[in-house]
Amino acid sequence: MVEHDALDATREAYDAAAPTYAELFRDALRDSPLDRGILGVFAELAAARGGGQVADLGCGPGHITAYLDELGLTAFGVDASPVMIELARQAYPRLRFDVGSMAALDIADGALGGVLSRWSIIHTPPEELPVVLAEFQRVLAPGGHLLVGFSATDDASHPTQVFDHAVTPAHRWWPDHLAATLRESGLAEVARTVREPQPTDRRQFREVHLLARKAQAGTA
């Protein structure tokens, strides 16, 4: 019930904010060389597994899905918000976008070379995160990669912290805690990037990307 309540609240909040959100973030990568760089690394690694097919989970209006397509991947987006998905389909009619939940993906086991989750797990209640990460692990091909982006807490004694997100309440994560949860789900950290808050940022939070890998078949 907790997961469904949280998902319903997130869906309703993003449905209401979708047009404004899409306009605000349409060109977000243009001035973000660090984000383009880590997405490029992820794309290169993902291309070698699962036929280069990648799911952008929590895709919103589809601008990152489209960027992955530009990098040569067979990318598709999934989001809980029907309004976000409709905007993505209108903006990028050549690409595939589906309404769905990260906790119950309509994707076959081992089908993907990569899973991208940028600022989507922040709306997952901490007690439900292992279920979501298990889904990420399930749909990845052996050797496939996950790239997860999130806002980081700066207090190791509190592995998660609630904050007042502009759309709906969200969670910050202590990076080492999230990396440990990934390991428990069968996803080993490969690398991480940390962007320190800038004076112009509305929120003075560190932004972290963790890159993790699913083990090859027959390996630990």
N, C-alpha and C. Protein backbone atom coordinates (compact mmCIF):
# COMPACT_ATOMS: atom_id res chain seq x y z
N MET A 1 0.82 -1.20 0.00
CA MET A 1 0.00 0.00 0.00
C MET A 1 0.86 1.26 0.00
N VAL A 2 1.98 1.21 0.75
CA VAL A 2 2.86 2.39 0.79
C VAL A 2 3.37 2.72 -0.59
N GLU A 3 3.84 1.67 -1.32
CA GLU A 3 4.39 1.89 -2.65
C GLU A 3 3.33 2.46 -3.59
N HIS A 4 2.10 1.90 -3.52
CA HIS A 4 1.07 2.36 -4.43
C HIS A 4 0.65 3.79 -4.10
N ASP A 5 0.57 4.12 -2.81
CA ASP A 5 0.23 5.48 -2.43
C ASP A 5 1.29 6.46 -2.93
N ALA A 6 2.57 6.11 -2.75
CA ALA A 6 3.66 6.99 -3.20
C ALA A 6 3.65 7.12 -4.71
N LEU A 7 3.43 6.02 -5.42
CA LEU A 7 3.40 6.07 -6.88
C LEU A 7 2.24 6.91 -7.38
N ASP A 8 1.07 6.74 -6.78
CA ASP A 8 -0.09 7.54 -7.19
C ASP A 8 0.16 9.02 -6.96
N ALA A 9 0.73 9.36 -5.81
CA ALA A 9 1.00 10.78 -5.51
C ALA A 9 2.01 11.36 -6.49
N THR A 10 3.05 10.58 -6.81
CA THR A 10 4.07 11.05 -7.76
C THR A 10 3.47 11.22 -9.15
N ARG A 11 2.67 10.25 -9.58
CA ARG A 11 2.04 10.32 -10.89
C ARG A 11 1.16 11.57 -11.00
N GLU A 12 0.34 11.80 -10.01
CA GLU A 12 -0.57 12.95 -10.05
C GLU A 12 0.19 14.27 -10.05
N ALA A 13 1.27 14.33 -9.25
CA ALA A 13 2.05 15.57 -9.18
C ALA A 13 2.73 15.87 -10.51
N TYR A 14 3.29 14.84 -11.15
CA TYR A 14 3.98 15.07 -12.42
C TYR A 14 3.01 15.26 -13.57
N ASP A 15 1.85 14.65 -13.51
CA ASP A 15 0.83 14.96 -14.52
C ASP A 15 0.51 16.45 -14.50
N ALA A 16 0.35 17.01 -13.31
CA ALA A 16 0.00 18.42 -13.19
C ALA A 16 1.13 19.34 -13.63
N ALA A 17 2.38 18.92 -13.37
CA ALA A 17 3.53 19.78 -13.66
C ALA A 17 4.15 19.54 -15.03
N ALA A 18 3.65 18.55 -15.76
CA ALA A 18 4.33 18.08 -16.97
C ALA A 18 4.65 19.18 -17.99
N PRO A 19 3.69 20.03 -18.40
CA PRO A 19 4.02 21.04 -19.41
C PRO A 19 5.14 21.99 -18.98
N THR A 20 5.07 22.45 -17.73
CA THR A 20 6.10 23.35 -17.21
C THR A 20 7.44 22.64 -17.12
N TYR A 21 7.43 21.41 -16.65
CA TYR A 21 8.65 20.60 -16.51
C TYR A 21 9.31 20.39 -17.88
N ALA A 22 8.50 20.04 -18.88
CA ALA A 22 9.04 19.79 -20.21
C ALA A 22 9.70 21.03 -20.78
N GLU A 23 9.09 22.18 -20.60
CA GLU A 23 9.66 23.43 -21.09
C GLU A 23 10.95 23.78 -20.36
N LEU A 24 10.97 23.55 -19.06
CA LEU A 24 12.11 23.92 -18.23
C LEU A 24 13.35 23.08 -18.55
N PHE A 25 13.16 21.79 -18.83
CA PHE A 25 14.30 20.87 -18.97
C PHE A 25 14.59 20.45 -20.41
N ARG A 26 13.89 21.02 -21.38
CA ARG A 26 14.07 20.60 -22.77
C ARG A 26 15.52 20.71 -23.22
N ASP A 27 16.22 21.78 -22.82
CA ASP A 27 17.60 22.00 -23.25
C ASP A 27 18.59 21.84 -22.09
N ALA A 28 18.23 21.01 -21.11
CA ALA A 28 19.03 20.91 -19.89
C ALA A 28 20.45 20.43 -20.14
N LEU A 29 20.65 19.58 -21.14
CA LEU A 29 21.98 19.04 -21.39
C LEU A 29 22.90 20.03 -22.10
N ARG A 30 22.34 21.03 -22.71
CA ARG A 30 23.13 21.96 -23.52
C ARG A 30 24.25 22.61 -22.71
N ASP A 31 23.95 22.96 -21.48
CA ASP A 31 24.94 23.64 -20.63
C ASP A 31 25.48 22.73 -19.53
N SER A 32 25.42 21.42 -19.77
CA SER A 32 25.85 20.45 -18.76
C SER A 32 26.86 19.46 -19.35
N PRO A 33 28.11 19.90 -19.58
CA PRO A 33 29.10 19.00 -20.17
C PRO A 33 29.39 17.77 -19.31
N LEU A 34 29.31 17.91 -17.99
CA LEU A 34 29.55 16.75 -17.12
C LEU A 34 28.47 15.69 -17.34
N ASP A 35 27.23 16.11 -17.43
CA ASP A 35 26.14 15.16 -17.68
C ASP A 35 26.29 14.52 -19.05
N ARG A 36 26.63 15.30 -20.05
CA ARG A 36 26.82 14.73 -21.39
C ARG A 36 27.97 13.71 -21.37
N GLY A 37 29.00 14.02 -20.60
CA GLY A 37 30.14 13.12 -20.53
C GLY A 37 29.79 11.77 -19.91
N ILE A 38 29.10 11.78 -18.77
CA ILE A 38 28.76 10.52 -18.11
C ILE A 38 27.74 9.74 -18.92
N LEU A 39 26.83 10.45 -19.60
CA LEU A 39 25.89 9.76 -20.47
C LEU A 39 26.60 9.13 -21.66
N GLY A 40 27.64 9.79 -22.15
CA GLY A 40 28.42 9.22 -23.25
C GLY A 40 29.15 7.95 -22.83
N VAL A 41 29.73 7.96 -21.64
CA VAL A 41 30.39 6.75 -21.11
C VAL A 41 29.39 5.62 -20.96
N PHE A 42 28.25 5.95 -20.36
CA PHE A 42 27.19 4.95 -20.19
C PHE A 42 26.76 4.37 -21.53
N ALA A 43 26.57 5.22 -22.52
CA ALA A 43 26.12 4.77 -23.84
C ALA A 43 27.14 3.83 -24.48
N GLU A 44 28.42 4.15 -24.34
CA GLU A 44 29.46 3.30 -24.93
C GLU A 44 29.46 1.92 -24.27
N LEU A 45 29.30 1.88 -22.97
CA LEU A 45 29.28 0.60 -22.26
C LEU A 45 28.01 -0.19 -22.57
N ALA A 46 26.88 0.49 -22.60
CA ALA A 46 25.61 -0.19 -22.83
C ALA A 46 25.50 -0.76 -24.24
N ALA A 47 26.16 -0.12 -25.19
CA ALA A 47 26.07 -0.56 -26.58
C ALA A 47 26.60 -1.97 -26.78
N ALA A 48 27.46 -2.42 -25.90
CA ALA A 48 28.08 -3.74 -26.04
C ALA A 48 27.20 -4.87 -25.51
N ARG A 49 26.08 -4.55 -24.85
CA ARG A 49 25.26 -5.58 -24.22
C ARG A 49 23.80 -5.42 -24.62
N GLY A 50 23.08 -6.52 -24.65
CA GLY A 50 21.64 -6.46 -24.90
C GLY A 50 21.28 -5.83 -26.22
N GLY A 51 22.16 -5.93 -27.22
CA GLY A 51 21.89 -5.34 -28.51
C GLY A 51 21.85 -3.83 -28.50
N GLY A 52 22.41 -3.23 -27.44
CA GLY A 52 22.42 -1.78 -27.35
C GLY A 52 21.08 -1.19 -26.96
N GLN A 53 20.15 -2.03 -26.50
CA GLN A 53 18.84 -1.53 -26.10
C GLN A 53 18.91 -1.01 -24.67
N VAL A 54 18.35 0.19 -24.47
CA VAL A 54 18.46 0.88 -23.18
C VAL A 54 17.10 1.44 -22.79
N ALA A 55 16.76 1.30 -21.51
CA ALA A 55 15.54 1.89 -20.98
C ALA A 55 15.88 3.11 -20.13
N ASP A 56 15.21 4.23 -20.42
CA ASP A 56 15.31 5.45 -19.63
C ASP A 56 14.11 5.45 -18.70
N LEU A 57 14.34 5.08 -17.44
CA LEU A 57 13.24 4.87 -16.49
C LEU A 57 13.01 6.13 -15.68
N GLY A 58 11.77 6.61 -15.71
CA GLY A 58 11.48 7.94 -15.19
C GLY A 58 11.87 8.98 -16.22
N CYS A 59 11.49 8.71 -17.48
CA CYS A 59 12.00 9.48 -18.62
C CYS A 59 11.42 10.88 -18.72
N GLY A 60 10.32 11.16 -18.00
CA GLY A 60 9.72 12.48 -18.11
C GLY A 60 9.33 12.80 -19.53
N PRO A 61 9.63 14.01 -20.02
CA PRO A 61 9.22 14.41 -21.36
C PRO A 61 10.12 13.88 -22.48
N GLY A 62 11.07 13.01 -22.15
CA GLY A 62 11.79 12.26 -23.18
C GLY A 62 13.06 12.87 -23.73
N HIS A 63 13.54 13.99 -23.18
CA HIS A 63 14.70 14.64 -23.78
C HIS A 63 15.98 13.83 -23.59
N ILE A 64 16.10 13.11 -22.47
CA ILE A 64 17.30 12.29 -22.28
C ILE A 64 17.22 11.02 -23.13
N THR A 65 16.03 10.44 -23.26
CA THR A 65 15.84 9.30 -24.16
C THR A 65 16.28 9.66 -25.57
N ALA A 66 15.88 10.84 -26.01
CA ALA A 66 16.25 11.29 -27.35
C ALA A 66 17.76 11.47 -27.48
N TYR A 67 18.41 11.94 -26.42
CA TYR A 67 19.86 12.10 -26.46
C TYR A 67 20.54 10.74 -26.56
N LEU A 68 20.05 9.75 -25.84
CA LEU A 68 20.62 8.41 -25.94
C LEU A 68 20.46 7.86 -27.35
N ASP A 69 19.33 8.15 -27.98
CA ASP A 69 19.11 7.76 -29.37
C ASP A 69 20.15 8.43 -30.28
N GLU A 70 20.43 9.71 -30.03
CA GLU A 70 21.44 10.41 -30.82
C GLU A 70 22.82 9.77 -30.66
N LEU A 71 23.07 9.16 -29.50
CA LEU A 71 24.35 8.50 -29.26
C LEU A 71 24.43 7.11 -29.88
N GLY A 72 23.37 6.70 -30.56
CA GLY A 72 23.40 5.44 -31.29
C GLY A 72 22.76 4.26 -30.60
N LEU A 73 22.11 4.48 -29.46
CA LEU A 73 21.46 3.40 -28.74
C LEU A 73 20.02 3.20 -29.22
N THR A 74 19.49 2.00 -29.01
CA THR A 74 18.08 1.75 -29.20
C THR A 74 17.41 2.05 -27.88
N ALA A 75 17.01 3.29 -27.70
CA ALA A 75 16.53 3.77 -26.42
C ALA A 75 15.02 3.94 -26.41
N PHE A 76 14.43 3.60 -25.28
CA PHE A 76 13.00 3.87 -25.08
C PHE A 76 12.79 4.36 -23.65
N GLY A 77 11.67 5.06 -23.44
CA GLY A 77 11.42 5.66 -22.14
C GLY A 77 10.22 5.06 -21.44
N VAL A 78 10.28 5.04 -20.11
CA VAL A 78 9.16 4.58 -19.28
C VAL A 78 8.95 5.62 -18.19
N ASP A 79 7.69 5.98 -17.93
CA ASP A 79 7.40 6.93 -16.87
C ASP A 79 6.02 6.62 -16.30
N ALA A 80 5.84 6.92 -15.02
CA ALA A 80 4.56 6.67 -14.36
C ALA A 80 3.50 7.68 -14.76
N SER A 81 3.92 8.82 -15.28
CA SER A 81 2.99 9.91 -15.61
C SER A 81 2.49 9.80 -17.05
N PRO A 82 1.21 9.53 -17.26
CA PRO A 82 0.68 9.48 -18.63
C PRO A 82 0.84 10.81 -19.38
N VAL A 83 0.74 11.92 -18.67
CA VAL A 83 0.88 13.21 -19.35
C VAL A 83 2.32 13.40 -19.82
N MET A 84 3.29 13.04 -19.00
CA MET A 84 4.69 13.10 -19.43
C MET A 84 4.91 12.24 -20.67
N ILE A 85 4.37 11.03 -20.66
CA ILE A 85 4.55 10.13 -21.79
C ILE A 85 3.91 10.71 -23.05
N GLU A 86 2.76 11.32 -22.93
CA GLU A 86 2.11 11.92 -24.09
C GLU A 86 2.97 13.07 -24.64
N LEU A 87 3.54 13.89 -23.78
CA LEU A 87 4.42 14.97 -24.23
C LEU A 87 5.66 14.41 -24.92
N ALA A 88 6.22 13.33 -24.37
CA ALA A 88 7.40 12.71 -24.99
C ALA A 88 7.07 12.17 -26.38
N ARG A 89 5.92 11.53 -26.50
CA ARG A 89 5.52 10.99 -27.82
C ARG A 89 5.31 12.10 -28.83
N GLN A 90 4.76 13.22 -28.39
CA GLN A 90 4.57 14.34 -29.30
C GLN A 90 5.89 14.95 -29.74
N ALA A 91 6.84 15.06 -28.80
CA ALA A 91 8.12 15.70 -29.11
C ALA A 91 9.04 14.79 -29.92
N TYR A 92 8.95 13.49 -29.68
CA TYR A 92 9.86 12.54 -30.33
C TYR A 92 9.05 11.36 -30.87
N PRO A 93 8.26 11.59 -31.91
CA PRO A 93 7.32 10.56 -32.38
C PRO A 93 8.00 9.30 -32.92
N ARG A 94 9.27 9.38 -33.23
CA ARG A 94 9.98 8.21 -33.77
C ARG A 94 10.37 7.22 -32.68
N LEU A 95 10.38 7.68 -31.42
CA LEU A 95 10.85 6.86 -30.32
C LEU A 95 9.68 6.24 -29.55
N ARG A 96 10.01 5.22 -28.79
CA ARG A 96 9.01 4.50 -28.00
C ARG A 96 8.97 5.03 -26.57
N PHE A 97 7.76 5.30 -26.08
CA PHE A 97 7.55 5.73 -24.70
C PHE A 97 6.35 4.99 -24.13
N ASP A 98 6.52 4.42 -22.92
CA ASP A 98 5.48 3.62 -22.29
C ASP A 98 5.18 4.14 -20.89
N VAL A 99 3.93 4.07 -20.50
CA VAL A 99 3.54 4.32 -19.11
C VAL A 99 3.84 3.05 -18.31
N GLY A 100 4.50 3.22 -17.17
CA GLY A 100 4.82 2.05 -16.36
C GLY A 100 5.45 2.42 -15.04
N SER A 101 5.63 1.40 -14.20
CA SER A 101 6.21 1.56 -12.87
C SER A 101 7.59 0.92 -12.83
N MET A 102 8.55 1.59 -12.22
CA MET A 102 9.90 1.03 -12.09
C MET A 102 9.92 -0.22 -11.22
N ALA A 103 8.91 -0.39 -10.37
CA ALA A 103 8.87 -1.54 -9.48
C ALA A 103 8.28 -2.78 -10.14
N ALA A 104 7.71 -2.63 -11.34
CA ALA A 104 7.09 -3.76 -12.04
C ALA A 104 7.17 -3.48 -13.54
N LEU A 105 8.35 -3.67 -14.11
CA LEU A 105 8.60 -3.32 -15.50
C LEU A 105 8.08 -4.39 -16.46
N ASP A 106 7.46 -3.96 -17.53
CA ASP A 106 7.00 -4.88 -18.57
C ASP A 106 8.13 -5.09 -19.58
N ILE A 107 9.23 -5.64 -19.09
CA ILE A 107 10.44 -5.86 -19.88
C ILE A 107 10.96 -7.25 -19.54
N ALA A 108 11.38 -8.00 -20.53
CA ALA A 108 11.84 -9.37 -20.32
C ALA A 108 13.14 -9.42 -19.52
N ASP A 109 13.37 -10.51 -18.83
CA ASP A 109 14.62 -10.71 -18.10
C ASP A 109 15.81 -10.59 -19.05
N GLY A 110 16.82 -9.85 -18.63
CA GLY A 110 18.08 -9.77 -19.36
C GLY A 110 17.99 -9.15 -20.74
N ALA A 111 16.98 -8.32 -20.98
CA ALA A 111 16.75 -7.79 -22.33
C ALA A 111 17.59 -6.56 -22.66
N LEU A 112 18.14 -5.89 -21.65
CA LEU A 112 18.71 -4.56 -21.86
C LEU A 112 20.23 -4.51 -21.67
N GLY A 113 20.86 -3.73 -22.51
CA GLY A 113 22.27 -3.46 -22.32
C GLY A 113 22.51 -2.38 -21.29
N GLY A 114 21.49 -1.57 -21.03
CA GLY A 114 21.65 -0.49 -20.06
C GLY A 114 20.32 -0.04 -19.50
N VAL A 115 20.36 0.43 -18.26
CA VAL A 115 19.22 1.06 -17.61
C VAL A 115 19.68 2.42 -17.10
N LEU A 116 18.93 3.44 -17.44
CA LEU A 116 19.20 4.80 -16.96
C LEU A 116 18.09 5.23 -16.02
N SER A 117 18.48 5.74 -14.87
CA SER A 117 17.51 6.25 -13.89
C SER A 117 18.06 7.55 -13.32
N ARG A 118 17.68 8.67 -13.93
CA ARG A 118 18.18 9.98 -13.49
C ARG A 118 17.10 10.70 -12.71
N TRP A 119 17.36 10.89 -11.42
CA TRP A 119 16.47 11.63 -10.55
C TRP A 119 15.05 11.05 -10.56
N SER A 120 14.96 9.72 -10.69
CA SER A 120 13.66 9.06 -10.58
C SER A 120 13.55 8.25 -9.30
N ILE A 121 14.65 7.67 -8.80
CA ILE A 121 14.56 6.94 -7.53
C ILE A 121 14.35 7.88 -6.35
N ILE A 122 14.54 9.17 -6.56
CA ILE A 122 14.36 10.10 -5.43
C ILE A 122 12.92 10.11 -4.93
N HIS A 123 11.99 9.65 -5.75
CA HIS A 123 10.59 9.59 -5.34
C HIS A 123 10.18 8.20 -4.85
N THR A 124 11.14 7.30 -4.72
CA THR A 124 10.87 5.96 -4.21
C THR A 124 11.04 5.95 -2.69
N PRO A 125 10.04 5.52 -1.93
CA PRO A 125 10.23 5.40 -0.49
C PRO A 125 11.42 4.48 -0.19
N PRO A 126 12.27 4.82 0.78
CA PRO A 126 13.47 4.02 1.05
C PRO A 126 13.19 2.54 1.23
N GLU A 127 12.09 2.19 1.88
CA GLU A 127 11.80 0.78 2.12
C GLU A 127 11.44 0.04 0.83
N GLU A 128 11.09 0.78 -0.23
CA GLU A 128 10.75 0.16 -1.51
C GLU A 128 11.91 0.13 -2.49
N LEU A 129 13.02 0.80 -2.16
CA LEU A 129 14.12 0.89 -3.11
C LEU A 129 14.68 -0.48 -3.50
N PRO A 130 14.87 -1.44 -2.57
CA PRO A 130 15.39 -2.73 -2.99
C PRO A 130 14.54 -3.42 -4.07
N VAL A 131 13.22 -3.23 -4.02
CA VAL A 131 12.35 -3.81 -5.04
C VAL A 131 12.64 -3.20 -6.41
N VAL A 132 12.81 -1.89 -6.44
CA VAL A 132 13.10 -1.18 -7.69
C VAL A 132 14.46 -1.60 -8.25
N LEU A 133 15.47 -1.64 -7.39
CA LEU A 133 16.80 -2.03 -7.85
C LEU A 133 16.82 -3.48 -8.33
N ALA A 134 16.04 -4.34 -7.69
CA ALA A 134 15.95 -5.73 -8.15
C ALA A 134 15.36 -5.80 -9.56
N GLU A 135 14.40 -4.92 -9.86
CA GLU A 135 13.86 -4.86 -11.22
C GLU A 135 14.92 -4.38 -12.21
N PHE A 136 15.70 -3.38 -11.82
CA PHE A 136 16.78 -2.92 -12.70
C PHE A 136 17.73 -4.08 -13.01
N GLN A 137 18.10 -4.82 -11.97
CA GLN A 137 19.02 -5.94 -12.14
C GLN A 137 18.40 -7.02 -13.02
N ARG A 138 17.13 -7.29 -12.83
CA ARG A 138 16.45 -8.36 -13.58
C ARG A 138 16.45 -8.10 -15.09
N VAL A 139 16.16 -6.86 -15.48
CA VAL A 139 16.01 -6.58 -16.91
C VAL A 139 17.34 -6.36 -17.62
N LEU A 140 18.43 -6.21 -16.87
CA LEU A 140 19.75 -6.03 -17.49
C LEU A 140 20.31 -7.37 -17.97
N ALA A 141 20.95 -7.33 -19.12
CA ALA A 141 21.71 -8.49 -19.58
C ALA A 141 22.95 -8.66 -18.71
N PRO A 142 23.47 -9.88 -18.58
CA PRO A 142 24.74 -10.05 -17.87
C PRO A 142 25.81 -9.12 -18.45
N GLY A 143 26.49 -8.39 -17.58
CA GLY A 143 27.47 -7.41 -18.03
C GLY A 143 26.89 -6.06 -18.39
N GLY A 144 25.55 -5.92 -18.31
CA GLY A 144 24.90 -4.65 -18.61
C GLY A 144 25.13 -3.63 -17.51
N HIS A 145 24.90 -2.37 -17.84
CA HIS A 145 25.21 -1.27 -16.91
C HIS A 145 23.97 -0.47 -16.52
N LEU A 146 23.98 -0.02 -15.28
CA LEU A 146 22.99 0.90 -14.75
C LEU A 146 23.67 2.22 -14.44
N LEU A 147 23.03 3.31 -14.83
CA LEU A 147 23.48 4.64 -14.43
C LEU A 147 22.34 5.29 -13.67
N VAL A 148 22.59 5.61 -12.40
CA VAL A 148 21.55 6.20 -11.56
C VAL A 148 22.02 7.56 -11.05
N GLY A 149 21.20 8.58 -11.26
CA GLY A 149 21.51 9.92 -10.80
C GLY A 149 20.57 10.32 -9.67
N PHE A 150 21.11 11.05 -8.69
CA PHE A 150 20.29 11.41 -7.53
C PHE A 150 20.91 12.58 -6.79
N SER A 151 20.12 13.19 -5.94
CA SER A 151 20.61 14.23 -5.05
C SER A 151 21.15 13.58 -3.79
N ALA A 152 22.33 14.02 -3.34
CA ALA A 152 23.02 13.35 -2.24
C ALA A 152 22.84 14.10 -0.93
N THR A 153 22.67 13.34 0.14
CA THR A 153 22.73 13.92 1.47
C THR A 153 24.19 14.08 1.88
N ASP A 154 24.46 15.03 2.77
CA ASP A 154 25.84 15.27 3.22
C ASP A 154 26.05 14.78 4.64
N ASP A 155 25.15 13.93 5.12
CA ASP A 155 25.23 13.42 6.49
C ASP A 155 25.22 11.90 6.47
N ALA A 156 26.38 11.30 6.68
CA ALA A 156 26.50 9.85 6.61
C ALA A 156 25.67 9.14 7.67
N SER A 157 25.35 9.83 8.75
CA SER A 157 24.56 9.20 9.81
C SER A 157 23.08 9.09 9.45
N HIS A 158 22.67 9.76 8.36
CA HIS A 158 21.29 9.68 7.88
C HIS A 158 21.35 9.28 6.40
N PRO A 159 21.28 7.97 6.10
CA PRO A 159 21.45 7.53 4.71
C PRO A 159 20.41 8.06 3.74
N THR A 160 19.24 8.45 4.26
CA THR A 160 18.25 9.12 3.41
C THR A 160 17.72 10.34 4.15
N GLN A 161 17.38 11.37 3.38
CA GLN A 161 16.80 12.59 3.94
C GLN A 161 15.69 13.07 3.01
N VAL A 162 14.56 13.39 3.57
CA VAL A 162 13.46 13.94 2.79
C VAL A 162 13.72 15.41 2.51
N PHE A 163 13.40 15.85 1.30
CA PHE A 163 13.48 17.28 1.00
C PHE A 163 12.26 17.72 0.21
N ASP A 164 12.05 19.01 0.18
CA ASP A 164 10.88 19.59 -0.46
C ASP A 164 11.15 19.81 -1.94
N HIS A 165 10.95 18.76 -2.72
CA HIS A 165 11.12 18.84 -4.17
C HIS A 165 10.07 19.79 -4.76
N ALA A 166 10.40 20.42 -5.87
CA ALA A 166 9.49 21.40 -6.46
C ALA A 166 8.16 20.77 -6.89
N VAL A 167 8.18 19.47 -7.23
CA VAL A 167 6.97 18.81 -7.72
C VAL A 167 6.27 18.02 -6.62
N THR A 168 7.03 17.18 -5.92
CA THR A 168 6.47 16.33 -4.87
C THR A 168 7.61 15.93 -3.93
N PRO A 169 7.34 15.65 -2.67
CA PRO A 169 8.41 15.31 -1.73
C PRO A 169 9.32 14.20 -2.26
N ALA A 170 10.60 14.31 -1.93
CA ALA A 170 11.59 13.39 -2.48
C ALA A 170 12.65 13.08 -1.43
N HIS A 171 13.57 12.18 -1.80
CA HIS A 171 14.61 11.74 -0.88
C HIS A 171 15.99 11.99 -1.47
N ARG A 172 16.87 12.43 -0.60
CA ARG A 172 18.30 12.44 -0.91
C ARG A 172 18.92 11.18 -0.33
N TRP A 173 20.03 10.72 -0.94
CA TRP A 173 20.65 9.46 -0.54
C TRP A 173 22.13 9.68 -0.23
N TRP A 174 22.62 9.01 0.81
CA TRP A 174 24.05 8.97 1.07
C TRP A 174 24.67 8.04 0.03
N PRO A 175 25.62 8.50 -0.79
CA PRO A 175 26.11 7.69 -1.92
C PRO A 175 26.63 6.31 -1.54
N ASP A 176 27.38 6.21 -0.45
CA ASP A 176 27.90 4.90 -0.06
C ASP A 176 26.77 3.94 0.33
N HIS A 177 25.73 4.47 0.95
CA HIS A 177 24.59 3.64 1.31
C HIS A 177 23.89 3.13 0.05
N LEU A 178 23.71 4.01 -0.93
CA LEU A 178 23.07 3.58 -2.17
C LEU A 178 23.93 2.56 -2.91
N ALA A 179 25.25 2.78 -2.92
CA ALA A 179 26.14 1.82 -3.57
C ALA A 179 26.05 0.45 -2.90
N ALA A 180 25.94 0.43 -1.56
CA ALA A 180 25.80 -0.84 -0.84
C ALA A 180 24.48 -1.52 -1.18
N THR A 181 23.42 -0.74 -1.31
CA THR A 181 22.12 -1.31 -1.68
C THR A 181 22.17 -1.87 -3.10
N LEU A 182 22.89 -1.20 -3.98
CA LEU A 182 23.09 -1.74 -5.33
C LEU A 182 23.80 -3.08 -5.28
N ARG A 183 24.86 -3.18 -4.47
CA ARG A 183 25.60 -4.45 -4.36
C ARG A 183 24.68 -5.57 -3.88
N GLU A 184 23.84 -5.27 -2.91
CA GLU A 184 22.91 -6.28 -2.39
C GLU A 184 21.92 -6.74 -3.47
N SER A 185 21.71 -5.89 -4.47
CA SER A 185 20.80 -6.22 -5.57
C SER A 185 21.52 -6.87 -6.74
N GLY A 186 22.81 -7.10 -6.61
CA GLY A 186 23.57 -7.75 -7.68
C GLY A 186 24.15 -6.79 -8.69
N LEU A 187 24.35 -5.55 -8.28
CA LEU A 187 24.89 -4.52 -9.18
C LEU A 187 26.11 -3.88 -8.51
N ALA A 188 27.27 -4.08 -9.08
CA ALA A 188 28.52 -3.61 -8.48
C ALA A 188 28.90 -2.25 -9.03
N GLU A 189 29.22 -1.32 -8.14
CA GLU A 189 29.64 0.01 -8.56
C GLU A 189 30.91 -0.06 -9.41
N VAL A 190 30.90 0.67 -10.50
CA VAL A 190 32.05 0.78 -11.39
C VAL A 190 32.72 2.15 -11.23
N ALA A 191 31.91 3.19 -11.11
CA ALA A 191 32.44 4.55 -11.02
C ALA A 191 31.34 5.46 -10.49
N ARG A 192 31.74 6.66 -10.06
CA ARG A 192 30.76 7.66 -9.67
C ARG A 192 31.29 9.05 -10.01
N THR A 193 30.38 9.95 -10.30
CA THR A 193 30.73 11.36 -10.46
C THR A 193 29.97 12.15 -9.40
N VAL A 194 30.61 13.22 -8.92
CA VAL A 194 29.99 14.08 -7.92
C VAL A 194 30.10 15.52 -8.40
N ARG A 195 28.97 16.17 -8.54
CA ARG A 195 28.94 17.58 -8.91
C ARG A 195 28.62 18.38 -7.65
N GLU A 196 29.54 19.24 -7.26
CA GLU A 196 29.33 20.08 -6.10
C GLU A 196 28.33 21.19 -6.43
N PRO A 197 27.54 21.61 -5.46
CA PRO A 197 26.57 22.69 -5.73
C PRO A 197 27.26 23.98 -6.14
N GLN A 198 26.66 24.65 -7.09
CA GLN A 198 27.18 25.91 -7.60
C GLN A 198 26.39 27.08 -7.01
N PRO A 199 26.99 28.28 -6.97
CA PRO A 199 26.29 29.43 -6.35
C PRO A 199 24.93 29.73 -6.97
N THR A 200 24.77 29.40 -8.25
CA THR A 200 23.51 29.69 -8.93
C THR A 200 22.45 28.61 -8.74
N ASP A 201 22.82 27.47 -8.13
CA ASP A 201 21.86 26.37 -7.95
C ASP A 201 20.80 26.75 -6.93
N ARG A 202 19.57 26.42 -7.25
CA ARG A 202 18.47 26.71 -6.31
C ARG A 202 18.62 25.90 -5.03
N ARG A 203 19.03 24.64 -5.17
CA ARG A 203 19.28 23.80 -4.00
C ARG A 203 20.77 23.52 -3.89
N GLN A 204 21.30 23.66 -2.71
CA GLN A 204 22.73 23.44 -2.49
C GLN A 204 22.98 21.98 -2.12
N PHE A 205 22.65 21.08 -3.07
CA PHE A 205 22.85 19.66 -2.90
C PHE A 205 23.92 19.18 -3.88
N ARG A 206 24.71 18.21 -3.45
CA ARG A 206 25.59 17.52 -4.40
C ARG A 206 24.73 16.63 -5.32
N GLU A 207 25.12 16.58 -6.58
CA GLU A 207 24.46 15.70 -7.55
C GLU A 207 25.41 14.56 -7.89
N VAL A 208 24.95 13.35 -7.73
CA VAL A 208 25.80 12.17 -7.89
C VAL A 208 25.23 11.26 -8.99
N HIS A 209 26.13 10.72 -9.80
CA HIS A 209 25.80 9.62 -10.71
C HIS A 209 26.62 8.41 -10.28
N LEU A 210 25.94 7.29 -10.06
CA LEU A 210 26.61 6.02 -9.81
C LEU A 210 26.45 5.14 -11.04
N LEU A 211 27.57 4.61 -11.52
CA LEU A 211 27.57 3.66 -12.62
C LEU A 211 27.83 2.27 -12.05
N ALA A 212 26.94 1.34 -12.29
CA ALA A 212 27.05 0.00 -11.75
C ALA A 212 26.89 -1.03 -12.87
N ARG A 213 27.35 -2.25 -12.58
CA ARG A 213 27.38 -3.29 -13.60
C ARG A 213 26.82 -4.58 -13.03
N LYS A 214 26.01 -5.25 -13.84
CA LYS A 214 25.51 -6.58 -13.47
C LYS A 214 26.58 -7.61 -13.83
N ALA A 215 26.81 -8.55 -12.94
CA ALA A 215 27.84 -9.56 -13.17
C ALA A 215 27.57 -10.37 -14.43
N GLN A 216 28.65 -10.79 -15.06
CA GLN A 216 28.55 -11.72 -16.18
C GLN A 216 28.03 -13.06 -15.67
N ALA A 217 27.37 -13.81 -16.52
CA ALA A 217 26.87 -15.14 -16.14
C ALA A 217 28.05 -16.01 -15.69
N GLY A 218 27.87 -16.66 -14.56
CA GLY A 218 28.89 -17.56 -14.08
C GLY A 218 29.96 -16.90 -13.25
N THR A 219 29.82 -15.58 -12.97
CA THR A 219 30.79 -14.87 -12.15
C THR A 219 30.09 -14.31 -10.93
N ALA A 220 30.87 -14.02 -9.90
CA ALA A 220 30.29 -13.49 -8.67
C ALA A 220 30.01 -12.01 -8.82
